[in-house]
């Protein structure tokens, strides 16, 4: 159980570094979107006052609009990723609360099983060339899903 908790802590640290990177990227993206809006306003004013030609205005505005559209799409993707990570963190915390409540138990009771396990998938058995029976079983834990434990 201690190895599982240590692994969870390591994964949490990696995720938090990744989340900080995503927050920084989202902040920079949103800042650039704002800058592009200001640039576009100045460009429009330059076009209206005749400081740049209509052809140049069309060319520049198309470029800035394309960049802004790409940035908005990227910002939405980052936001979705951050929301997903936050949901996973909440679920992992719920699971860790269950783990902490039951760190030392002598016997697997139905109540304990219901708290820890969401579902168990038992696959069809198969036989290898030595006639050895093999049957895969997947255990999906509450809040965190399937956890691949080291052999």
Foldseek 3Di string as FASTA:
>chain_A
DVVVVVVVVVVVVVLVVVLVVLVVLLVVLVVVLVVLVVVLVVLVVCPVVVVDDPVVSVVVVVVSVVSNVVSVVVSVVSVVVNVVSVLLVVLVVQQVVLCVVPVDDDDCDPVNCVQFFPDKDKADWDADPVRDIDIDMFTATGSNGTDDDDD
